[in-house]
């Protein structure tokens, strides 16, 4: 049987350590153990946290896991899985709040942190449209598609139908590359050009297309793939 957290030296217990040194002093495993609260008969909460991090490799992967994926770890049932993923969802929403409070969205870096948390670790491609007002503030956003991106699957008609319904001034689009390489494919470039031309027809320009991949990203505008 593993050593229980309460058997550790008091300064090594996650809760006591947080109270003594602040929450930022905790490692990833300690933060997860704190959320789990308890382990199993064989493993402590810290050891269950180790198994989670070993299974999902990074915190980003864990935050993008499904409830059922997390429940595959022994000692984590439905309630714990929901509570754990709720904590990650709070982090994503804080990141979204941060960019919605910006006076103006002017460069990719203004939205990249949120996009990487939101879709950077997803196992499928997810296509997002961000709707901006006249001041370049985020008015709304919407996931328009999940799967392999093509002109057939992501039709500009649906994008600009939503843009006109919202009365936005311009849009940004973003999607992820599960491979980890954000380099745009020929299909990505073709789709972007199609969106640009459609935007000209309805006077709602495409401000940028951002591709995120875990800890990397590219901007079509910075690469001069959009005028």
Protein backbone atom coordinates (compact mmCIF):
# COMPACT_ATOMS: atom_id res chain seq x y z
CA UNK A 1 0.00 0.00 0.00
CA UNK A 2 1.22 3.50 -0.83
CA UNK A 3 1.89 6.14 1.76
CA UNK A 4 -1.21 8.26 2.42
CA UNK A 5 -0.89 12.04 2.13
CA UNK A 6 -1.70 12.43 5.84
CA UNK A 7 1.34 10.25 6.60
CA UNK A 8 3.67 12.73 4.92
CA UNK A 9 5.57 15.39 6.79
CA UNK A 10 3.11 18.24 7.35
CA UNK A 11 5.15 20.64 5.18
CA UNK A 12 4.98 18.13 2.29
CA UNK A 13 1.18 17.84 2.29
CA UNK A 14 -0.35 19.88 -0.58
CA UNK A 15 -2.98 21.67 1.53
CA UNK A 16 -0.59 22.56 4.35
CA UNK A 17 2.10 23.56 1.86
CA UNK A 18 -0.35 25.87 0.07
CA UNK A 19 -1.39 27.49 3.34
CA UNK A 20 2.23 27.96 4.37
CA UNK A 21 3.81 29.06 1.08
CA UNK A 22 0.91 30.04 -1.16
CA UNK A 23 -0.91 28.12 -3.89
CA UNK A 24 1.77 28.94 -6.48
CA UNK A 25 4.28 26.89 -4.49
CA UNK A 26 2.48 23.66 -5.45
CA UNK A 27 3.67 21.47 -8.30
CA UNK A 28 1.26 20.14 -10.93
CA UNK A 29 0.94 16.81 -9.11
CA UNK A 30 0.24 18.59 -5.81
CA UNK A 31 -2.44 20.78 -7.39
CA UNK A 32 -4.14 17.74 -8.89
CA UNK A 33 -3.87 15.80 -5.62
CA UNK A 34 -5.48 18.74 -3.82
CA UNK A 35 -8.43 18.61 -6.23
CA UNK A 36 -8.72 14.81 -5.93
CA UNK A 37 -8.62 15.02 -2.11
CA UNK A 38 -8.12 11.25 -1.69
CA UNK A 39 -6.63 8.29 -3.49
CA UNK A 40 -7.35 4.56 -3.26
CA UNK A 41 -6.46 1.81 -0.80
CA UNK A 42 -3.30 1.17 -2.81
CA UNK A 43 -2.34 4.70 -3.89
CA UNK A 44 -2.29 8.14 -2.32
CA UNK A 45 -3.85 11.14 -4.04
CA UNK A 46 -0.34 12.19 -5.07
CA UNK A 47 0.27 8.80 -6.71
CA UNK A 48 -3.05 8.98 -8.54
CA UNK A 49 -2.01 12.46 -9.70
CA UNK A 50 1.26 10.97 -10.97
CA UNK A 51 -0.68 8.38 -12.94
CA UNK A 52 -2.85 11.10 -14.48
CA UNK A 53 0.17 13.13 -15.55
CA UNK A 54 1.88 10.03 -16.92
CA UNK A 55 -1.23 9.09 -18.91
CA UNK A 56 -1.94 12.55 -20.32
CA UNK A 57 1.70 13.80 -20.44
CA UNK A 58 0.91 17.51 -19.99
CA UNK A 59 -1.60 19.64 -18.12
CA UNK A 60 -2.92 20.80 -21.48
CA UNK A 61 -3.66 17.22 -22.53
CA UNK A 62 -5.39 16.57 -19.22
CA UNK A 63 -7.45 19.74 -19.52
CA UNK A 64 -8.69 18.63 -22.96
CA UNK A 65 -9.56 15.08 -21.86
CA UNK A 66 -13.11 13.86 -21.59
CA UNK A 67 -14.74 12.83 -18.32
CA UNK A 68 -14.68 9.19 -19.44
CA UNK A 69 -10.97 9.40 -20.34
CA UNK A 70 -10.16 10.64 -16.84
CA UNK A 71 -12.33 7.93 -15.27
CA UNK A 72 -10.06 5.27 -16.80
CA UNK A 73 -7.62 6.08 -13.98
CA UNK A 74 -8.27 3.87 -10.98
CA UNK A 75 -9.49 5.92 -8.05
CA UNK A 76 -11.22 8.57 -10.18
CA UNK A 77 -14.94 8.14 -10.47
CA UNK A 78 -17.50 10.41 -12.09
CA UNK A 79 -17.70 13.05 -9.34
CA UNK A 80 -13.93 13.47 -9.10
CA UNK A 81 -13.56 13.56 -12.89
CA UNK A 82 -16.19 16.30 -13.19
CA UNK A 83 -14.61 18.37 -10.39
CA UNK A 84 -11.13 18.02 -11.88
CA UNK A 85 -12.15 19.06 -15.39
CA UNK A 86 -14.27 21.89 -13.97
CA UNK A 87 -11.07 23.40 -12.58
CA UNK A 88 -9.48 23.33 -16.03
CA UNK A 89 -12.60 24.86 -17.57
CA UNK A 90 -12.41 27.72 -15.06
CA UNK A 91 -8.86 28.38 -16.27
CA UNK A 92 -10.03 28.55 -19.90
CA UNK A 93 -12.82 30.96 -19.02
CA UNK A 94 -10.45 33.20 -17.09
CA UNK A 95 -8.25 33.37 -20.20
CA UNK A 96 -11.32 34.28 -22.28
CA UNK A 97 -12.34 36.97 -19.76
CA UNK A 98 -8.84 38.46 -20.04
CA UNK A 99 -9.09 38.95 -23.81
CA UNK A 100 -12.71 40.13 -23.70
CA UNK A 101 -11.61 42.89 -21.34
CA UNK A 102 -8.91 44.13 -23.73
CA UNK A 103 -9.54 47.55 -25.20
CA UNK A 104 -8.58 46.25 -28.63
CA UNK A 105 -7.52 43.01 -30.30
CA UNK A 106 -4.62 44.11 -32.44
CA UNK A 107 -2.24 41.17 -32.76
CA UNK A 108 -2.28 37.35 -32.58
CA UNK A 109 -0.67 37.33 -29.15
CA UNK A 110 -3.84 38.94 -27.78
CA UNK A 111 -5.82 35.72 -28.33
CA UNK A 112 -3.23 32.93 -28.64
CA UNK A 113 -3.06 32.00 -24.93
CA UNK A 114 -6.82 31.50 -24.82
CA UNK A 115 -6.90 29.59 -28.12
CA UNK A 116 -4.13 27.24 -27.01
CA UNK A 117 -6.01 26.46 -23.81
CA UNK A 118 -9.29 26.11 -25.67
CA UNK A 119 -8.26 23.98 -28.67
CA UNK A 120 -4.46 23.65 -28.72
CA UNK A 121 -4.50 20.18 -27.15
CA UNK A 122 -7.58 18.76 -28.88
CA UNK A 123 -7.15 15.51 -30.80
CA UNK A 124 -9.39 16.71 -33.64
CA UNK A 125 -9.19 19.88 -35.68
CA UNK A 126 -11.58 22.52 -34.33
CA UNK A 127 -12.43 25.62 -36.35
CA UNK A 128 -13.37 28.79 -34.44
CA UNK A 129 -14.66 32.12 -35.70
CA UNK A 130 -14.10 35.21 -33.53
CA UNK A 131 -16.45 38.11 -34.26
CA UNK A 132 -15.08 41.62 -33.64
CA UNK A 133 -16.86 44.97 -33.36
CA UNK A 134 -15.76 48.32 -34.80
CA UNK A 135 -13.28 48.77 -31.92
CA UNK A 136 -11.73 45.34 -32.55
CA UNK A 137 -13.20 44.02 -29.31
CA UNK A 138 -14.50 40.46 -29.16
CA UNK A 139 -18.24 40.54 -29.68
CA UNK A 140 -18.73 36.78 -29.78
CA UNK A 141 -17.07 33.55 -30.87
CA UNK A 142 -18.31 30.24 -32.17
CA UNK A 143 -16.94 26.80 -32.94
CA UNK A 144 -18.10 26.22 -36.51
CA UNK A 145 -16.60 22.84 -37.30
CA UNK A 146 -14.76 19.81 -35.91
CA UNK A 147 -12.81 17.47 -38.20
CA UNK A 148 -10.57 17.77 -41.26
CA UNK A 149 -10.86 21.27 -42.67
CA UNK A 150 -11.75 21.79 -46.34
CA UNK A 151 -13.72 24.30 -48.37
CA UNK A 152 -16.55 21.78 -48.36
CA UNK A 153 -16.61 21.29 -44.59
CA UNK A 154 -16.11 24.93 -43.55
CA UNK A 155 -18.25 27.00 -45.88
CA UNK A 156 -17.77 30.80 -45.78
CA UNK A 157 -21.51 31.19 -46.31
CA UNK A 158 -22.16 29.88 -42.78
CA UNK A 159 -19.39 32.04 -41.31
CA UNK A 160 -20.67 35.28 -42.82
CA UNK A 161 -24.31 34.39 -42.19
CA UNK A 162 -23.45 34.39 -38.47
CA UNK A 163 -21.25 37.49 -38.83
CA UNK A 164 -24.12 39.45 -40.43
CA UNK A 165 -26.58 38.21 -37.85
CA UNK A 166 -24.32 39.61 -35.12
CA UNK A 167 -23.62 42.80 -37.06
CA UNK A 168 -19.87 42.47 -36.49
CA UNK A 169 -17.27 44.63 -38.25
CA UNK A 170 -14.63 41.99 -38.98
CA UNK A 171 -13.71 38.44 -38.07
CA UNK A 172 -10.74 36.31 -37.08
CA UNK A 173 -10.66 32.58 -37.64
CA UNK A 174 -8.59 29.99 -35.84
CA UNK A 175 -8.07 26.26 -35.79
CA UNK A 176 -5.68 23.75 -34.28
CA UNK A 177 -3.27 21.18 -35.70
CA UNK A 178 -3.28 18.07 -33.48
CA UNK A 179 0.04 17.01 -35.07
CA UNK A 180 1.81 19.74 -33.11
CA UNK A 181 3.05 21.51 -36.25
CA UNK A 182 1.15 24.76 -36.96
CA UNK A 183 2.51 25.12 -40.49
CA UNK A 184 -0.45 25.82 -42.79
CA UNK A 185 -1.34 23.17 -45.35
CA UNK A 186 -2.36 23.91 -48.93
CA UNK A 187 -5.95 23.25 -47.85
CA UNK A 188 -5.59 25.79 -45.01
CA UNK A 189 -4.31 28.42 -47.44
CA UNK A 190 -7.01 27.68 -50.01
CA UNK A 191 -9.74 27.89 -47.36
CA UNK A 192 -8.35 31.17 -46.02
CA UNK A 193 -8.29 32.72 -49.49
CA UNK A 194 -11.89 31.62 -49.97
CA UNK A 195 -12.89 33.30 -46.68
CA UNK A 196 -11.00 36.49 -47.62
CA UNK A 197 -12.81 36.76 -50.97
CA UNK A 198 -16.19 36.04 -49.40
CA UNK A 199 -15.54 38.68 -46.75
CA UNK A 200 -14.87 41.30 -49.43
CA UNK A 201 -18.27 40.59 -50.96
CA UNK A 202 -20.11 41.39 -47.70
CA UNK A 203 -17.68 44.06 -46.44
CA UNK A 204 -16.67 42.01 -43.38
CA UNK A 205 -12.90 41.54 -43.72
CA UNK A 206 -10.90 38.63 -42.34
CA UNK A 207 -8.44 40.14 -39.87
CA UNK A 208 -6.33 37.01 -39.40
CA UNK A 209 -6.26 33.22 -39.44
CA UNK A 210 -4.37 31.71 -36.52
CA UNK A 211 -3.30 28.09 -36.31
CA UNK A 212 -2.40 26.82 -32.84
CA UNK A 213 -0.64 23.60 -31.95
CA UNK A 214 0.09 22.95 -28.29
CA UNK A 215 2.92 25.39 -27.58
CA UNK A 216 3.26 26.91 -31.05
CA UNK A 217 1.20 29.01 -33.42
CA UNK A 218 1.31 30.86 -36.73
CA UNK A 219 -0.54 33.93 -37.96
CA UNK A 220 -1.48 34.19 -41.64
CA UNK A 221 -1.17 37.98 -41.43
CA UNK A 222 2.29 37.82 -39.87
CA UNK A 223 3.32 35.34 -42.57
CA UNK A 224 1.94 37.78 -45.17
CA UNK A 225 -0.54 35.19 -46.39
CA UNK A 226 -3.29 37.77 -45.87
CA UNK A 227 -2.98 41.35 -47.19
